[in-house]
Amino acid sequence: MKRSSLLPALLVLGLASASLAGPRPAAVPSAPLARPAARAANDDTILVRLPNQATMTLFVKNKAQLRELRNYKLDSLIVLLDTYITQAETASKGSSSEQVTMEFYPAKDQPGKQVPEQIRITMHNDPKGPGRPGKSGDHVDVTLGRVFGVSVDENTDGSGNDRVSVRVGTSAKSDSVRNAERKARQQEKANRAVHSNFNIDLGLNALTNKQRDLYGNSLDLRPVASRYLSLNWHYDIRLGRKGSVLFLRTGPELAFNNYMLDNNYQFVNQNGVTFLQKPTEVGRNLEKSKLAVSSINLPLMPMLSFQDKKGHDSFRIGAGGFLGYRLGSHTKIKYEDNGSTKKDKDRGSYNLEDFQYGLQGTIGIRSIDLFVKYNLNNTFKDNRGPQAQTISFGLSLLN
């Protein structure tokens, strides 16, 4: 970048601050010159043409950002920036890299003075500049402390007209800093042997391999009303060296299975046996009749997990098994009685199997997975309840 254009570019900070004291300068048309850089939506623009025919554009979101510059003495700040940019420019000329980042700490070097704590300068060398044939144009990112940043662009269109744009923003970061932070996050994630996450399973329950109970009644469920919910604290343990895509998923799952009966049946437990029965009261219609079961499960599921170029999870697939233990269960019926709504809730084991085991699988893209869980053992104890096996399926929402 040419020194003759760089210092006037920084001087625009002083011109912009002075605009707060009076009317805002009118925008000068830039049609005869190179087209100004695109600005973000809702930004205010101040366009300044200097005597040397260079055009400088200042983009700010509001005047409050300009007022932040009052925290510094702009004349001293401009001289300070020019000194540091000169050092960074000199260092970049001796580097073969397209980007050179240097950090300075003026508050430590000049104690007692009102200067930024940190100044980070990134020189984007022109890959097609002198000695490197091609398009002309350099770019400099300047971050002042952790408050606001300055981005300086210089381009030459070949006609002798230079364009220098200066951008002030409250969260400015150079491309090199963003890339370094992204790579650091990717490396940190790749180095971790265990990844933890929380997700929620939302789905439905169905019954397979059904057999009629002792009285010949069929265990039929309302498909949409028989819901499944699980709160999962998972740990993905890497299997193999760093960078391996093979993991073992495990961790506690708190699951809630709802079995909503159809055909006006309800669960009845008598003489140590659970069976289906319709209401003994004549004309009673059950609006709701369900069995709710809560359990704690532990999956053991090998998985393949892949990431995109930015280090984000992109695709996963896994299959394995699970073990579980019933924590509690109850039945609930809802009906109308003499014009009022009644709800009866009874807690009990209802001869459900306490221990559960089965198979499960998952496949997902980014933050959404599809899951399926199949219980290999019967839902109720043998010869003491309706015989059937549970299958649950749905969506898994990742945090």
Protein backbone atom coordinates (compact mmCIF):
# COMPACT_ATOMS: atom_id res chain seq x y z
CA MET A 1 0.00 0.00 0.00
CA LYS A 2 1.30 3.49 -0.88
CA ARG A 3 2.15 5.67 2.10
CA SER A 4 0.92 8.81 0.30
CA SER A 5 -2.63 7.41 0.23
CA LEU A 6 -2.63 5.68 3.61
CA LEU A 7 -2.22 8.73 5.85
CA PRO A 8 -5.03 10.73 4.16
CA ALA A 9 -7.19 7.65 4.57
CA LEU A 10 -6.70 7.78 8.31
CA LEU A 11 -7.35 11.52 8.36
CA VAL A 12 -10.94 10.81 7.35
CA LEU A 13 -11.53 9.73 10.94
CA GLY A 14 -10.92 13.30 12.01
CA LEU A 15 -13.19 14.67 9.28
CA ALA A 16 -15.96 12.28 10.29
CA SER A 17 -15.73 13.24 13.94
CA ALA A 18 -15.86 16.92 13.04
CA SER A 19 -19.11 16.31 11.17
CA LEU A 20 -20.86 15.76 14.47
CA ALA A 21 -20.48 19.41 15.36
CA GLY A 22 -22.29 20.70 12.28
CA PRO A 23 -24.45 19.62 9.35
CA ARG A 24 -23.55 16.36 7.73
CA PRO A 25 -21.37 16.78 4.60
CA ALA A 26 -23.21 16.25 1.36
CA ALA A 27 -22.32 13.11 -0.52
CA VAL A 28 -20.11 13.76 -3.51
CA PRO A 29 -21.03 11.73 -6.62
CA SER A 30 -18.41 9.15 -7.44
CA ALA A 31 -19.47 8.26 -10.97
CA PRO A 32 -16.24 9.53 -12.59
CA LEU A 33 -14.18 7.41 -10.19
CA ALA A 34 -14.07 3.77 -9.29
CA ARG A 35 -17.27 2.45 -7.82
CA PRO A 36 -17.28 2.66 -3.98
CA ALA A 37 -17.20 -0.56 -1.99
CA ALA A 38 -20.63 -2.02 -1.15
CA ARG A 39 -21.90 -0.99 2.25
CA ALA A 40 -23.97 -2.93 4.76
CA ALA A 41 -27.70 -2.30 5.07
CA ASN A 42 -28.81 0.62 7.28
CA ASP A 43 -25.30 2.19 7.33
CA ASP A 44 -24.79 5.95 7.05
CA THR A 45 -22.27 7.03 4.44
CA ILE A 46 -19.95 10.04 4.33
CA LEU A 47 -18.13 10.48 1.03
CA VAL A 48 -15.11 12.81 0.95
CA ARG A 49 -13.08 13.86 -2.10
CA LEU A 50 -9.58 15.06 -1.30
CA PRO A 51 -7.53 17.57 -3.34
CA ASN A 52 -5.35 14.76 -4.70
CA GLN A 53 -8.48 13.30 -6.42
CA ALA A 54 -8.63 10.34 -4.03
CA THR A 55 -12.12 9.41 -2.85
CA MET A 56 -12.64 8.25 0.74
CA THR A 57 -15.83 6.64 2.02
CA LEU A 58 -16.73 6.31 5.72
CA PHE A 59 -19.42 3.79 6.63
CA VAL A 60 -20.98 3.86 10.13
CA LYS A 61 -24.18 2.37 11.49
CA ASN A 62 -25.10 5.51 13.43
CA LYS A 63 -23.63 8.68 14.86
CA ALA A 64 -23.09 6.97 18.19
CA GLN A 65 -20.21 5.05 16.60
CA LEU A 66 -18.63 8.32 15.51
CA ARG A 67 -18.99 9.71 19.04
CA GLU A 68 -16.96 6.76 20.31
CA LEU A 69 -13.96 8.33 18.60
CA ARG A 70 -14.16 11.20 21.09
CA ASN A 71 -12.60 8.85 23.64
CA TYR A 72 -9.30 9.40 21.83
CA LYS A 73 -7.33 12.39 20.65
CA LEU A 74 -7.64 11.86 16.94
CA ASP A 75 -4.51 13.73 15.91
CA SER A 76 -2.35 11.60 18.23
CA LEU A 77 -4.27 8.46 17.27
CA ILE A 78 -3.73 9.05 13.55
CA VAL A 79 -0.01 9.54 14.01
CA LEU A 80 0.13 6.42 16.19
CA LEU A 81 -1.75 4.35 13.63
CA ASP A 82 0.44 5.57 10.80
CA THR A 83 3.52 4.51 12.76
CA TYR A 84 2.19 1.03 13.44
CA ILE A 85 0.87 0.53 9.91
CA THR A 86 4.26 1.53 8.55
CA GLN A 87 5.90 -1.16 10.68
CA ALA A 88 3.33 -3.73 9.56
CA GLU A 89 3.76 -2.68 5.94
CA THR A 90 7.53 -3.08 6.18
CA ALA A 91 7.15 -6.53 7.75
CA SER A 92 4.67 -7.63 5.09
CA LYS A 93 7.00 -6.67 2.23
CA GLY A 94 9.55 -9.14 3.49
CA SER A 95 6.98 -11.92 3.85
CA SER A 96 5.85 -14.38 1.20
CA SER A 97 2.48 -14.76 2.94
CA GLU A 98 -0.56 -12.96 1.56
CA GLN A 99 -1.52 -11.90 5.12
CA VAL A 100 0.64 -10.56 7.93
CA THR A 101 -0.88 -9.72 11.34
CA MET A 102 0.90 -7.68 14.02
CA GLU A 103 -0.33 -6.62 17.46
CA PHE A 104 0.74 -3.51 19.36
CA TYR A 105 0.01 -2.46 22.95
CA PRO A 106 0.25 1.34 23.14
CA ALA A 107 -1.33 1.53 26.62
CA LYS A 108 1.64 -0.40 28.01
CA ASP A 109 4.18 1.53 25.99
CA GLN A 110 2.66 4.91 26.91
CA PRO A 111 1.23 4.57 30.44
CA GLY A 112 -1.09 7.36 31.53
CA LYS A 113 -2.05 8.39 28.01
CA GLN A 114 -5.52 7.91 26.57
CA VAL A 115 -4.70 5.36 23.89
CA PRO A 116 -6.20 1.97 22.97
CA GLU A 117 -5.11 -1.04 24.98
CA GLN A 118 -4.44 -3.04 21.85
CA ILE A 119 -4.08 -2.34 18.13
CA ARG A 120 -4.13 -5.27 15.72
CA ILE A 121 -3.08 -4.62 12.13
CA THR A 122 -3.45 -7.14 9.32
CA MET A 123 -1.81 -6.43 5.96
CA HIS A 124 -3.40 -8.25 3.04
CA ASN A 125 -0.64 -8.24 0.46
CA ASP A 126 -1.61 -7.83 -3.16
CA PRO A 127 -1.01 -11.30 -4.67
CA LYS A 128 -0.63 -9.58 -8.05
CA GLY A 129 1.35 -6.55 -7.02
CA PRO A 130 4.97 -5.66 -7.80
CA GLY A 131 6.85 -8.83 -8.58
CA ARG A 132 3.49 -10.66 -8.56
CA PRO A 133 1.69 -9.94 -11.83
CA GLY A 134 -2.03 -9.29 -11.83
CA LYS A 135 -4.66 -7.05 -10.29
CA SER A 136 -3.57 -4.08 -8.19
CA GLY A 137 -5.03 -3.47 -4.74
CA ASP A 138 -4.02 -3.82 -1.07
CA HIS A 139 -6.17 -4.12 2.04
CA VAL A 140 -5.46 -3.27 5.68
CA ASP A 141 -7.56 -4.20 8.74
CA VAL A 142 -7.02 -2.20 11.92
CA THR A 143 -8.70 -3.14 15.21
CA LEU A 144 -8.50 -0.54 18.00
CA GLY A 145 -8.63 -2.23 21.37
CA ARG A 146 -11.82 -4.27 21.60
CA VAL A 147 -14.18 -1.38 20.92
CA PHE A 148 -14.17 -0.57 17.23
CA GLY A 149 -12.16 -1.26 14.12
CA VAL A 150 -10.99 0.44 10.97
CA SER A 151 -10.81 -1.24 7.57
CA VAL A 152 -8.82 0.54 4.86
CA ASP A 153 -9.10 -0.41 1.17
CA GLU A 154 -6.94 1.04 -1.58
CA ASN A 155 -7.53 0.16 -5.21
CA THR A 156 -6.32 1.58 -8.49
CA ASP A 157 -8.41 1.15 -11.61
CA GLY A 158 -5.52 1.93 -13.97
CA SER A 159 -6.67 5.48 -14.79
CA GLY A 160 -4.77 7.11 -11.95
CA ASN A 161 -7.79 7.42 -9.66
CA ASP A 162 -7.29 5.85 -6.22
CA ARG A 163 -10.17 4.82 -3.99
CA VAL A 164 -9.63 4.54 -0.23
CA SER A 165 -12.52 3.41 1.96
CA VAL A 166 -12.44 3.48 5.76
CA ARG A 167 -15.00 1.50 7.76
CA VAL A 168 -15.66 1.93 11.48
CA GLY A 169 -17.59 -0.82 13.27
CA THR A 170 -18.19 -1.89 16.86
CA SER A 171 -17.14 -5.49 16.26
CA ALA A 172 -14.68 -5.29 13.41
CA LYS A 173 -12.41 -8.27 12.97
CA SER A 174 -9.96 -8.94 10.22
CA ASP A 175 -10.40 -11.92 7.95
CA SER A 176 -7.16 -13.37 9.21
CA VAL A 177 -8.32 -13.15 12.83
CA ARG A 178 -11.64 -14.81 12.00
CA ASN A 179 -9.86 -17.57 10.10
CA ALA A 180 -7.43 -18.10 12.95
CA GLU A 181 -10.25 -18.30 15.49
CA ARG A 182 -12.18 -20.75 13.30
CA LYS A 183 -9.13 -22.97 12.82
CA ALA A 184 -8.42 -22.86 16.56
CA ARG A 185 -11.98 -24.03 17.31
CA GLN A 186 -11.65 -26.83 14.77
CA GLN A 187 -8.33 -27.93 16.22
CA GLU A 188 -9.65 -27.80 19.79
CA LYS A 189 -12.66 -29.92 18.84
CA ALA A 190 -10.51 -32.40 16.94
CA ASN A 191 -8.17 -32.79 19.92
CA ARG A 192 -10.96 -33.55 22.38
CA ALA A 193 -11.44 -37.25 22.97
CA VAL A 194 -14.94 -36.76 24.40
CA HIS A 195 -17.67 -34.42 23.09
CA SER A 196 -20.75 -33.79 25.23
CA ASN A 197 -24.11 -32.52 24.04
CA PHE A 198 -27.75 -32.29 25.07
CA ASN A 199 -30.59 -33.18 22.75
CA ILE A 200 -34.33 -33.92 22.85
CA ASP A 201 -36.08 -36.81 21.14
CA LEU A 202 -39.65 -36.17 19.98
CA GLY A 203 -41.57 -39.05 18.44
CA LEU A 204 -44.32 -41.62 18.55
CA ASN A 205 -44.81 -45.08 20.04
CA ALA A 206 -46.16 -48.14 18.28
CA LEU A 207 -46.54 -51.80 19.27
CA THR A 208 -45.33 -54.82 17.31
CA ASN A 209 -45.85 -58.58 17.70
CA LYS A 210 -49.13 -57.94 19.53
CA GLN A 211 -51.11 -60.76 21.11
CA ARG A 212 -54.60 -60.61 22.60
CA ASP A 213 -54.96 -60.54 26.37
CA LEU A 214 -56.58 -63.22 28.53
CA TYR A 215 -60.05 -61.98 27.54
CA GLY A 216 -59.33 -61.79 23.83
CA ASN A 217 -58.98 -58.01 23.66
CA SER A 218 -56.47 -56.47 21.23
CA LEU A 219 -53.98 -53.86 22.44
CA ASP A 220 -54.61 -51.10 19.86
CA LEU A 221 -53.11 -47.61 20.24
CA ARG A 222 -54.01 -44.20 18.88
CA PRO A 223 -50.99 -43.61 16.62
CA VAL A 224 -50.65 -39.81 16.85
CA ALA A 225 -51.60 -39.61 20.54
CA SER A 226 -49.09 -42.24 21.69
CA ARG A 227 -46.12 -39.90 22.06
CA TYR A 228 -42.49 -40.42 22.99
CA LEU A 229 -40.22 -37.85 24.66
CA SER A 230 -36.63 -38.26 25.79
CA LEU A 231 -34.15 -35.81 27.37
CA ASN A 232 -30.63 -36.96 26.53
CA TRP A 233 -27.22 -36.06 27.92
CA HIS A 234 -24.90 -37.74 25.43
CA TYR A 235 -21.15 -38.22 25.36
CA ASP A 236 -19.44 -39.01 22.06
CA ILE A 237 -16.18 -40.80 22.80
CA ARG A 238 -13.68 -40.82 19.95
CA LEU A 239 -12.42 -44.26 18.98
CA GLY A 240 -8.98 -44.12 17.45
CA ARG A 241 -6.47 -41.35 16.82
CA LYS A 242 -7.06 -37.64 16.51
CA GLY A 243 -9.20 -36.81 13.53
CA SER A 244 -11.03 -40.14 13.62
CA VAL A 245 -14.68 -40.03 12.54
CA LEU A 246 -15.62 -43.10 14.61
CA PHE A 247 -17.26 -42.43 18.00
CA LEU A 248 -19.10 -44.35 20.72
CA ARG A 249 -22.24 -42.56 21.94
CA THR A 250 -23.41 -43.11 25.49
CA GLY A 251 -24.91 -41.12 28.35
CA PRO A 252 -28.14 -41.05 30.40
CA GLU A 253 -31.52 -40.62 28.72
CA LEU A 254 -34.71 -39.76 30.63
CA ALA A 255 -37.54 -41.19 28.50
CA PHE A 256 -41.33 -40.87 28.70
CA ASN A 257 -43.52 -43.38 26.81
CA ASN A 258 -47.25 -42.74 26.45
CA TYR A 259 -49.55 -45.55 25.28
CA MET A 260 -52.94 -44.07 24.34
CA LEU A 261 -55.62 -46.78 24.02
CA ASP A 262 -58.25 -46.85 21.31
CA ASN A 263 -61.78 -48.33 21.06
CA ASN A 264 -62.87 -47.08 24.53
CA TYR A 265 -60.60 -49.49 26.41
CA GLN A 266 -58.76 -48.86 29.66
CA PHE A 267 -56.07 -50.74 31.56
CA VAL A 268 -57.33 -52.71 34.58
CA ASN A 269 -55.16 -54.50 37.12
CA GLN A 270 -56.91 -57.25 39.09
CA ASN A 271 -55.63 -60.33 40.87
CA GLY A 272 -52.07 -59.65 39.74
CA VAL A 273 -53.03 -59.55 36.04
CA THR A 274 -53.26 -56.50 33.73
CA PHE A 275 -55.87 -56.62 30.97
CA LEU A 276 -58.06 -54.38 28.81
CA GLN A 277 -61.61 -53.54 29.75
CA LYS A 278 -64.31 -51.15 28.62
CA PRO A 279 -66.05 -48.99 31.25
CA THR A 280 -68.58 -50.93 33.31
CA GLU A 281 -70.82 -47.83 33.51
CA VAL A 282 -73.41 -47.89 30.75
CA GLY A 283 -72.91 -45.19 28.12
CA ARG A 284 -69.58 -43.93 29.46
CA ASN A 285 -67.27 -42.80 26.70
CA LEU A 286 -63.58 -42.35 27.49
CA GLU A 287 -62.14 -39.19 25.94
CA LYS A 288 -58.66 -40.25 26.99
CA SER A 289 -57.27 -43.53 28.26
CA LYS A 290 -53.51 -43.96 28.51
CA LEU A 291 -50.64 -45.68 30.24
CA ALA A 292 -47.61 -43.44 30.93
CA VAL A 293 -44.18 -44.93 31.66
CA SER A 294 -40.98 -43.12 32.63
CA SER A 295 -37.57 -44.80 32.43
CA ILE A 296 -33.84 -44.13 32.49
CA ASN A 297 -31.88 -45.50 29.53
CA LEU A 298 -28.24 -45.88 28.60
CA PRO A 299 -27.33 -46.20 24.89
CA LEU A 300 -24.19 -47.86 23.57
CA MET A 301 -24.06 -46.88 19.92
CA PRO A 302 -21.04 -46.69 17.57
CA MET A 303 -21.32 -43.70 15.22
CA LEU A 304 -19.63 -42.17 12.21
CA SER A 305 -19.58 -38.36 12.44
CA PHE A 306 -18.31 -36.09 9.65
CA GLN A 307 -17.64 -32.33 9.62
CA ASP A 308 -17.73 -29.66 6.92
CA LYS A 309 -14.88 -27.30 6.01
CA LYS A 310 -15.88 -24.89 8.79
CA GLY A 311 -15.66 -27.56 11.49
CA HIS A 312 -19.42 -27.94 11.95
CA ASP A 313 -21.09 -31.33 12.26
CA SER A 314 -22.56 -32.15 8.85
CA PHE A 315 -23.53 -35.85 8.71
CA ARG A 316 -23.90 -38.64 11.27
CA ILE A 317 -25.00 -42.24 11.20
CA GLY A 318 -24.98 -44.81 13.98
CA ALA A 319 -26.49 -48.09 15.18
CA GLY A 320 -26.25 -49.98 18.45
CA GLY A 321 -28.21 -50.99 21.53
CA PHE A 322 -29.57 -49.64 24.81
CA LEU A 323 -30.40 -50.72 28.34
CA GLY A 324 -33.12 -49.21 30.49
CA TYR A 325 -34.93 -49.32 33.83
CA ARG A 326 -38.51 -48.30 34.56
CA LEU A 327 -38.77 -45.45 37.06
CA GLY A 328 -42.53 -45.13 37.35
CA SER A 329 -45.88 -45.66 35.62
CA HIS A 330 -49.53 -44.70 35.92
CA THR A 331 -52.83 -44.86 34.05
CA LYS A 332 -55.09 -41.91 33.35
CA ILE A 333 -58.63 -41.75 32.01
CA LYS A 334 -60.75 -38.74 31.13
CA TYR A 335 -64.55 -38.84 30.74
CA GLU A 336 -67.78 -36.89 31.19
CA ASP A 337 -69.94 -37.59 34.25
CA ASN A 338 -73.23 -35.72 34.78
CA GLY A 339 -72.04 -32.77 32.70
CA SER A 340 -68.65 -32.40 34.37
CA THR A 341 -65.22 -33.62 33.24
CA LYS A 342 -63.61 -36.29 35.41
CA LYS A 343 -60.00 -37.43 35.41
CA ASP A 344 -58.88 -40.58 37.23
CA LYS A 345 -55.19 -41.26 37.71
CA ASP A 346 -53.84 -44.46 39.28
CA ARG A 347 -50.18 -45.23 39.92
CA GLY A 348 -48.81 -48.73 39.78
CA SER A 349 -46.51 -51.11 37.96
CA TYR A 350 -49.32 -52.69 35.89
CA ASN A 351 -47.02 -55.70 35.44
CA LEU A 352 -44.69 -53.76 33.17
CA GLU A 353 -41.18 -55.10 32.72
CA ASP A 354 -38.80 -53.17 34.96
CA PHE A 355 -35.73 -53.76 32.81
CA GLN A 356 -35.66 -52.96 29.10
CA TYR A 357 -33.18 -53.62 26.33
CA GLY A 358 -33.22 -53.19 22.59
CA LEU A 359 -31.71 -51.82 19.40
CA GLN A 360 -31.53 -48.27 18.18
CA GLY A 361 -30.22 -46.29 15.23
CA THR A 362 -29.84 -42.69 14.10
CA ILE A 363 -29.02 -40.75 10.97
CA GLY A 364 -28.71 -36.98 10.79
CA ILE A 365 -27.64 -33.88 8.92
CA ARG A 366 -26.42 -30.78 10.80
CA SER A 367 -28.73 -30.17 13.80
CA ILE A 368 -31.53 -32.67 13.10
CA ASP A 369 -31.43 -36.45 13.46
CA LEU A 370 -33.92 -39.22 12.73
CA PHE A 371 -33.99 -41.97 15.36
CA VAL A 372 -35.64 -45.32 15.93
CA LYS A 373 -35.65 -47.52 19.07
CA TYR A 374 -36.91 -51.09 19.19
CA ASN A 375 -37.47 -52.98 22.46
CA LEU A 376 -36.42 -56.62 22.15
CA ASN A 377 -38.22 -57.68 25.34
CA ASN A 378 -41.97 -57.49 25.91
CA THR A 379 -43.55 -54.38 27.37
CA PHE A 380 -45.52 -56.42 29.96
CA LYS A 381 -44.42 -59.46 31.94
CA ASP A 382 -45.20 -62.85 30.44
CA ASN A 383 -48.71 -64.16 31.19
CA ARG A 384 -49.44 -61.14 33.38
CA GLY A 385 -50.34 -58.54 30.76
CA PRO A 386 -50.93 -57.94 27.04
CA GLN A 387 -47.99 -59.22 25.03
CA ALA A 388 -46.34 -56.72 22.67
CA GLN A 389 -43.04 -54.98 21.97
CA THR A 390 -42.53 -51.22 21.74
CA ILE A 391 -40.98 -49.32 18.86
CA SER A 392 -40.33 -45.57 19.10
CA PHE A 393 -39.31 -43.27 16.24
CA GLY A 394 -39.13 -39.56 15.47
CA LEU A 395 -36.84 -36.52 15.38
CA SER A 396 -33.88 -35.72 17.58
CA LEU A 397 -33.23 -31.99 18.05
CA LEU A 398 -29.58 -31.25 18.82
CA ASN A 399 -28.32 -28.38 20.93
